[in-house]
Every structure is written in structure tokens, then in C-alpha cells.
Amino acid sequence: MVTGLRDAGFIVDTPKATFYLWVPVPPPYTSASLATKLLTDAGVVVTPGNGFGSPGEGYLRLTLTQEENRLLEATERIKGVGL
């Protein structure tokens, strides 16, 4: 999923010891507006970082607890949005 998100233009660090990805939100989006766009346009649910307080604004949190094929499908859908 990290590679696919990078291919979609996101700057993503590989998690070292967790099943969460904290993905920086590109301008001009807020974490909430991009989460809404991904839900509406790609059918992918992500968590806006602002749900974790003001330090989370500017990030999306993705949870990597699904099967690999589902994560790859979600990545392809996100890439299809064309951010």
C-alpha cells in the first residue's frame, strides 16, 4: 500500500512497528475534506487526522488490518481519484 500511495503522489513513510499509516494531506485539502473526497469518489474509508486533535490536522490515518488484496484495491481506487 505504501508504494501505491507513493505512486498516487502521497509522501508516505513505511511504518516501522505499527499497522497504521499517517499520510500527509496535499494542498488544498484539509484532513476532513480529503477523507470525504476519498469516501465519495473512491469508496475508501480513511480517518481524518483532526479526529485525533489539532496536531492530527494535515494527515489521514489509514489502518492496514485488511487482507492484502483489499488494501491493493483501496490503493488503486485512491489512485483513480487523481489527486
Protein backbone atom coordinates (compact mmCIF):
# COMPACT_ATOMS: atom_id res chain seq x y z
CA MET A 1 0.00 0.00 0.00
CA VAL A 2 2.87 2.37 0.73
CA THR A 3 4.20 2.00 -2.82
CA GLY A 4 0.75 2.53 -4.32
CA LEU A 5 0.15 5.67 -2.28
CA ARG A 6 3.54 7.00 -3.33
CA ASP A 7 2.59 6.26 -6.95
CA ALA A 8 -0.57 8.33 -6.35
CA GLY A 9 1.58 11.30 -5.27
CA PHE A 10 1.44 10.97 -1.49
CA ILE A 11 4.55 11.25 0.67
CA VAL A 12 4.37 8.16 2.86
CA ASP A 13 6.87 6.71 5.31
CA THR A 14 6.96 2.94 5.73
CA PRO A 15 5.66 2.11 9.22
CA LYS A 16 8.30 0.52 11.42
CA ALA A 17 6.25 -1.22 14.10
CA THR A 18 2.58 -0.45 13.63
CA PHE A 19 -0.32 -1.19 11.32
CA TYR A 20 -1.20 2.48 10.84
CA LEU A 21 -0.10 4.85 8.11
CA TRP A 22 -0.12 8.58 8.79
CA VAL A 23 -0.31 10.17 5.37
CA PRO A 24 0.27 13.92 4.86
CA VAL A 25 -2.65 15.63 3.15
CA PRO A 26 -1.74 17.55 -0.02
CA PRO A 27 -2.91 21.14 -0.50
CA PRO A 28 -5.56 22.46 -0.84
CA TYR A 29 -7.30 19.79 1.24
CA THR A 30 -7.89 19.53 4.96
CA SER A 31 -7.84 16.12 6.55
CA ALA A 32 -11.65 16.11 6.71
CA SER A 33 -12.18 17.32 3.15
CA LEU A 34 -9.81 14.72 1.69
CA ALA A 35 -11.33 11.94 3.77
CA THR A 36 -14.76 12.94 2.44
CA LYS A 37 -13.46 13.07 -1.14
CA LEU A 38 -11.92 9.60 -0.88
CA LEU A 39 -15.14 8.21 0.56
CA THR A 40 -17.31 9.88 -2.09
CA ASP A 41 -15.09 9.44 -5.15
CA ALA A 42 -13.25 6.20 -4.36
CA GLY A 43 -15.46 4.42 -1.84
CA VAL A 44 -12.49 4.19 0.55
CA VAL A 45 -12.88 4.99 4.24
CA VAL A 46 -9.93 6.72 5.90
CA THR A 47 -9.76 8.58 9.20
CA PRO A 48 -9.14 12.33 9.09
CA GLY A 49 -6.27 13.23 11.38
CA ASN A 50 -8.16 16.08 13.01
CA GLY A 51 -10.23 13.42 14.79
CA PHE A 52 -7.15 12.92 16.98
CA GLY A 53 -6.89 16.58 17.93
CA SER A 54 -5.35 19.63 16.29
CA PRO A 55 -1.88 18.02 15.85
CA GLY A 56 -3.54 15.46 13.55
CA GLU A 57 -4.77 18.10 11.11
CA GLY A 58 -2.99 17.75 7.81
CA TYR A 59 -2.86 13.94 7.97
CA LEU A 60 -5.01 10.94 7.17
CA ARG A 61 -4.74 7.76 9.20
CA LEU A 62 -5.05 4.50 7.30
CA THR A 63 -5.30 1.17 9.08
CA LEU A 64 -3.56 -1.79 7.46
CA THR A 65 -5.64 -4.57 9.02
CA GLN A 66 -7.40 -5.87 5.91
CA GLU A 67 -6.23 -8.62 3.59
CA GLU A 68 -3.56 -7.55 1.13
CA ASN A 69 -5.88 -7.76 -1.89
CA ARG A 70 -8.35 -5.36 -0.23
CA LEU A 71 -5.55 -2.91 0.58
CA LEU A 72 -4.31 -3.05 -3.01
CA GLU A 73 -7.85 -2.47 -4.29
CA ALA A 74 -8.22 0.54 -1.99
CA THR A 75 -4.90 1.89 -3.23
CA GLU A 76 -6.00 1.57 -6.86
CA ARG A 77 -9.26 3.37 -6.07
CA ILE A 78 -7.35 6.19 -4.36
CA LYS A 79 -5.02 6.47 -7.35
CA GLY A 80 -8.09 6.70 -9.60
CA VAL A 81 -9.26 9.86 -7.84
CA GLY A 82 -6.31 11.72 -9.37
CA LEU A 83 -5.19 14.00 -6.57
